[in-house]
Structures are given as C-alpha cells and as structure tokens.
Amino acid sequence: MVQLQTNLKEIEATGGQVIAISYDSVAVLKRFTAKSAITYPLLSDTGSKTIDAYGIRNDEAPERWSGIPHPGTFIVDTKGVIRAKLFLEGYKERHALDVLVAALKNAR
C-alpha cells in the first residue's frame, strides 16, 4: 500500500487510478492511512467476502492473517471490464512499479 502511494504519480500519469481493498477493518485502515499518508481510496473487506468472491484468498498465509488475499492487481477499464490480472503466490511479495505501469499501458 505504501509502495503504491510512493509511486502514485507515475501510476496516475498512465491514466490509472489506484483503489485498494484490504481484509483489515475500517478502524485499522483509518489508522494505517493516517500514519502512512495514503491519499487513494482504501476499502475494507471485513470477513474477506470480496476476496473470496474473486477466489484470491491466500490459504497458505499464517493463521493470524486468515482472510488475506494473494497480493495482486486488477486493471479495470472505465466500463468495469477487467483488462489484466497481476497476482503473486507469496503473501509478502509485490509487483514492481514497471510491471504495473506496463500493464496499465497495455490495457488501453
């Protein structure tokens, strides 16, 4: 989430907009966004209902992180069509900025 904020201008320069979904509660996300100066929308998926609906729950994550998704990104166009899916297996891995920017450019 912090990496996305750090690179927000580069992402937005491609015409992209960042919206993140987390399994954390609204209260936890509120503290995190304030502490980390997150300026893009960060939505709470308490109970991981959306995460489960998309089939991206990481069942290999430790019990204390039950409900966490595989780290990933959906590139969605203005009509709501998913143009790309970028996901990693590990729960601590993240895509590099150049991978995200390339996917955004290719989705046009």
C-alpha atoms as a PDB file:
ATOM      1  CA  MET A   1       0.000   0.000   0.000  1.00  0.00           C
ATOM      2  CA  VAL A   2       2.837   2.362   0.854  1.00  0.00           C
ATOM      3  CA  GLN A   3       4.629   1.412  -2.386  1.00  0.00           C
ATOM      4  CA  LEU A   4       1.505   2.366  -4.340  1.00  0.00           C
ATOM      5  CA  GLN A   5       1.368   5.734  -2.569  1.00  0.00           C
ATOM      6  CA  THR A   6       5.065   6.329  -3.227  1.00  0.00           C
ATOM      7  CA  ASN A   7       4.524   5.648  -6.939  1.00  0.00           C
ATOM      8  CA  LEU A   8       1.057   7.187  -7.234  1.00  0.00           C
ATOM      9  CA  LYS A   9       2.103   9.977  -9.610  1.00  0.00           C
ATOM     10  CA  GLU A  10       3.730   7.531 -12.030  1.00  0.00           C
ATOM     11  CA  ILE A  11       0.638   5.318 -11.979  1.00  0.00           C
ATOM     12  CA  GLU A  12      -1.718   8.249 -12.477  1.00  0.00           C
ATOM     13  CA  ALA A  13       0.455   9.528 -15.348  1.00  0.00           C
ATOM     14  CA  THR A  14      -0.624   6.415 -17.303  1.00  0.00           C
ATOM     15  CA  GLY A  15      -4.268   7.346 -16.773  1.00  0.00           C
ATOM     16  CA  GLY A  16      -4.601   4.814 -13.971  1.00  0.00           C
ATOM     17  CA  GLN A  17      -6.333   5.307 -10.646  1.00  0.00           C
ATOM     18  CA  VAL A  18      -5.473   3.349  -7.511  1.00  0.00           C
ATOM     19  CA  ILE A  19      -8.185   1.876  -5.304  1.00  0.00           C
ATOM     20  CA  ALA A  20      -7.116  -0.765  -2.796  1.00  0.00           C
ATOM     21  CA  ILE A  21      -9.072  -3.416  -0.917  1.00  0.00           C
ATOM     22  CA  SER A  22      -7.829  -4.915   2.344  1.00  0.00           C
ATOM     23  CA  TYR A  23      -9.169  -7.575   4.673  1.00  0.00           C
ATOM     24  CA  ASP A  24      -8.445  -5.241   7.607  1.00  0.00           C
ATOM     25  CA  SER A  25     -11.223  -3.451   9.486  1.00  0.00           C
ATOM     26  CA  VAL A  26     -12.185   0.161   8.819  1.00  0.00           C
ATOM     27  CA  ALA A  27     -10.580   1.204  12.127  1.00  0.00           C
ATOM     28  CA  VAL A  28      -7.264  -0.471  11.267  1.00  0.00           C
ATOM     29  CA  LEU A  29      -7.263   1.044   7.772  1.00  0.00           C
ATOM     30  CA  LYS A  30      -8.060   4.501   9.148  1.00  0.00           C
ATOM     31  CA  ARG A  31      -5.015   4.362  11.441  1.00  0.00           C
ATOM     32  CA  PHE A  32      -2.844   2.953   8.647  1.00  0.00           C
ATOM     33  CA  THR A  33      -3.862   5.585   6.084  1.00  0.00           C
ATOM     34  CA  ALA A  34      -3.233   8.401   8.554  1.00  0.00           C
ATOM     35  CA  LYS A  35       0.154   7.003   9.637  1.00  0.00           C
ATOM     36  CA  SER A  36       1.267   6.239   6.066  1.00  0.00           C
ATOM     37  CA  ALA A  37      -0.266   9.350   4.418  1.00  0.00           C
ATOM     38  CA  ILE A  38      -2.288   7.238   1.971  1.00  0.00           C
ATOM     39  CA  THR A  39      -4.324   9.511  -0.312  1.00  0.00           C
ATOM     40  CA  TYR A  40      -6.074   6.988  -2.563  1.00  0.00           C
ATOM     41  CA  PRO A  41      -9.250   5.092  -1.525  1.00  0.00           C
ATOM     42  CA  LEU A  42      -8.517   2.128   0.733  1.00  0.00           C
ATOM     43  CA  LEU A  43     -11.595  -0.075   1.199  1.00  0.00           C
ATOM     44  CA  SER A  44     -12.253  -2.595   3.968  1.00  0.00           C
ATOM     45  CA  ASP A  45     -13.346  -6.126   3.083  1.00  0.00           C
ATOM     46  CA  THR A  46     -14.015  -7.307   6.612  1.00  0.00           C
ATOM     47  CA  GLY A  47     -14.703 -11.022   6.520  1.00  0.00           C
ATOM     48  CA  SER A  48     -12.950 -11.262   3.121  1.00  0.00           C
ATOM     49  CA  LYS A  49     -16.240 -11.639   1.224  1.00  0.00           C
ATOM     50  CA  THR A  50     -14.951  -9.818  -1.870  1.00  0.00           C
ATOM     51  CA  ILE A  51     -11.595 -11.572  -1.611  1.00  0.00           C
ATOM     52  CA  ASP A  52     -13.411 -14.930  -1.568  1.00  0.00           C
ATOM     53  CA  ALA A  53     -15.776 -13.918  -4.389  1.00  0.00           C
ATOM     54  CA  TYR A  54     -12.756 -13.303  -6.626  1.00  0.00           C
ATOM     55  CA  GLY A  55     -11.045 -16.503  -5.448  1.00  0.00           C
ATOM     56  CA  ILE A  56      -7.884 -14.750  -4.311  1.00  0.00           C
ATOM     57  CA  ARG A  57      -7.725 -15.743  -0.618  1.00  0.00           C
ATOM     58  CA  ASN A  58      -4.251 -16.948   0.306  1.00  0.00           C
ATOM     59  CA  ASP A  59      -4.921 -20.194   2.170  1.00  0.00           C
ATOM     60  CA  GLU A  60      -1.196 -20.640   2.837  1.00  0.00           C
ATOM     61  CA  ALA A  61      -0.886 -17.474   4.923  1.00  0.00           C
ATOM     62  CA  PRO A  62      -0.325 -17.953   8.660  1.00  0.00           C
ATOM     63  CA  GLU A  63      -3.488 -18.253  10.804  1.00  0.00           C
ATOM     64  CA  ARG A  64      -3.089 -14.743  12.233  1.00  0.00           C
ATOM     65  CA  TRP A  65      -3.541 -13.408   8.677  1.00  0.00           C
ATOM     66  CA  SER A  66      -6.527 -15.598   7.829  1.00  0.00           C
ATOM     67  CA  GLY A  67      -8.501 -13.940   5.050  1.00  0.00           C
ATOM     68  CA  ILE A  68      -5.561 -12.176   3.448  1.00  0.00           C
ATOM     69  CA  PRO A  69      -5.544 -12.286  -0.361  1.00  0.00           C
ATOM     70  CA  HIS A  70      -2.711 -13.126  -2.682  1.00  0.00           C
ATOM     71  CA  PRO A  71      -1.023  -9.794  -3.453  1.00  0.00           C
ATOM     72  CA  GLY A  72      -2.343  -8.608  -6.741  1.00  0.00           C
ATOM     73  CA  THR A  73      -3.772  -6.013  -9.018  1.00  0.00           C
ATOM     74  CA  PHE A  74      -6.772  -5.928 -11.299  1.00  0.00           C
ATOM     75  CA  ILE A  75      -6.531  -3.442 -14.166  1.00  0.00           C
ATOM     76  CA  VAL A  76     -10.142  -2.371 -14.794  1.00  0.00           C
ATOM     77  CA  ASP A  77     -11.235  -0.047 -17.606  1.00  0.00           C
ATOM     78  CA  THR A  78     -13.773   2.765 -17.291  1.00  0.00           C
ATOM     79  CA  LYS A  79     -16.578   0.364 -18.277  1.00  0.00           C
ATOM     80  CA  GLY A  80     -15.727  -2.041 -15.450  1.00  0.00           C
ATOM     81  CA  VAL A  81     -14.095  -4.666 -17.677  1.00  0.00           C
ATOM     82  CA  ILE A  82     -11.069  -6.397 -16.165  1.00  0.00           C
ATOM     83  CA  ARG A  83      -8.240  -5.918 -18.680  1.00  0.00           C
ATOM     84  CA  ALA A  84      -5.405  -7.552 -16.724  1.00  0.00           C
ATOM     85  CA  LYS A  85      -4.802  -9.581 -13.562  1.00  0.00           C
ATOM     86  CA  LEU A  86      -1.412  -9.439 -11.891  1.00  0.00           C
ATOM     87  CA  PHE A  87      -1.085 -11.781  -8.912  1.00  0.00           C
ATOM     88  CA  LEU A  88       1.741 -13.333  -6.931  1.00  0.00           C
ATOM     89  CA  GLU A  89       1.694 -16.513  -4.855  1.00  0.00           C
ATOM     90  CA  GLY A  90       3.510 -15.299  -1.740  1.00  0.00           C
ATOM     91  CA  TYR A  91       1.665 -13.094   0.730  1.00  0.00           C
ATOM     92  CA  LYS A  92       4.685 -10.795   1.209  1.00  0.00           C
ATOM     93  CA  GLU A  93       5.579 -10.239  -2.455  1.00  0.00           C
ATOM     94  CA  ARG A  94       4.525  -7.186  -4.500  1.00  0.00           C
ATOM     95  CA  HIS A  95       4.758  -6.237  -8.175  1.00  0.00           C
ATOM     96  CA  ALA A  96       7.378  -3.678  -9.164  1.00  0.00           C
ATOM     97  CA  LEU A  97       6.244  -0.292 -10.467  1.00  0.00           C
ATOM     98  CA  ASP A  98       7.423  -1.026 -14.018  1.00  0.00           C
ATOM     99  CA  VAL A  99       5.194  -4.126 -14.166  1.00  0.00           C
ATOM    100  CA  LEU A 100       2.143  -2.125 -13.051  1.00  0.00           C
ATOM    101  CA  VAL A 101       2.847   0.739 -15.465  1.00  0.00           C
ATOM    102  CA  ALA A 102       3.365  -1.687 -18.366  1.00  0.00           C
ATOM    103  CA  ALA A 103       0.059  -3.437 -17.594  1.00  0.00           C
ATOM    104  CA  LEU A 104      -1.757  -0.100 -17.465  1.00  0.00           C
ATOM    105  CA  LYS A 105      -0.288   0.976 -20.799  1.00  0.00           C
ATOM    106  CA  ASN A 106      -1.127  -2.381 -22.423  1.00  0.00           C
ATOM    107  CA  ALA A 107      -4.728  -2.205 -21.161  1.00  0.00           C
ATOM    108  CA  ARG A 108      -5.514   0.931 -23.158  1.00  0.00           C
END
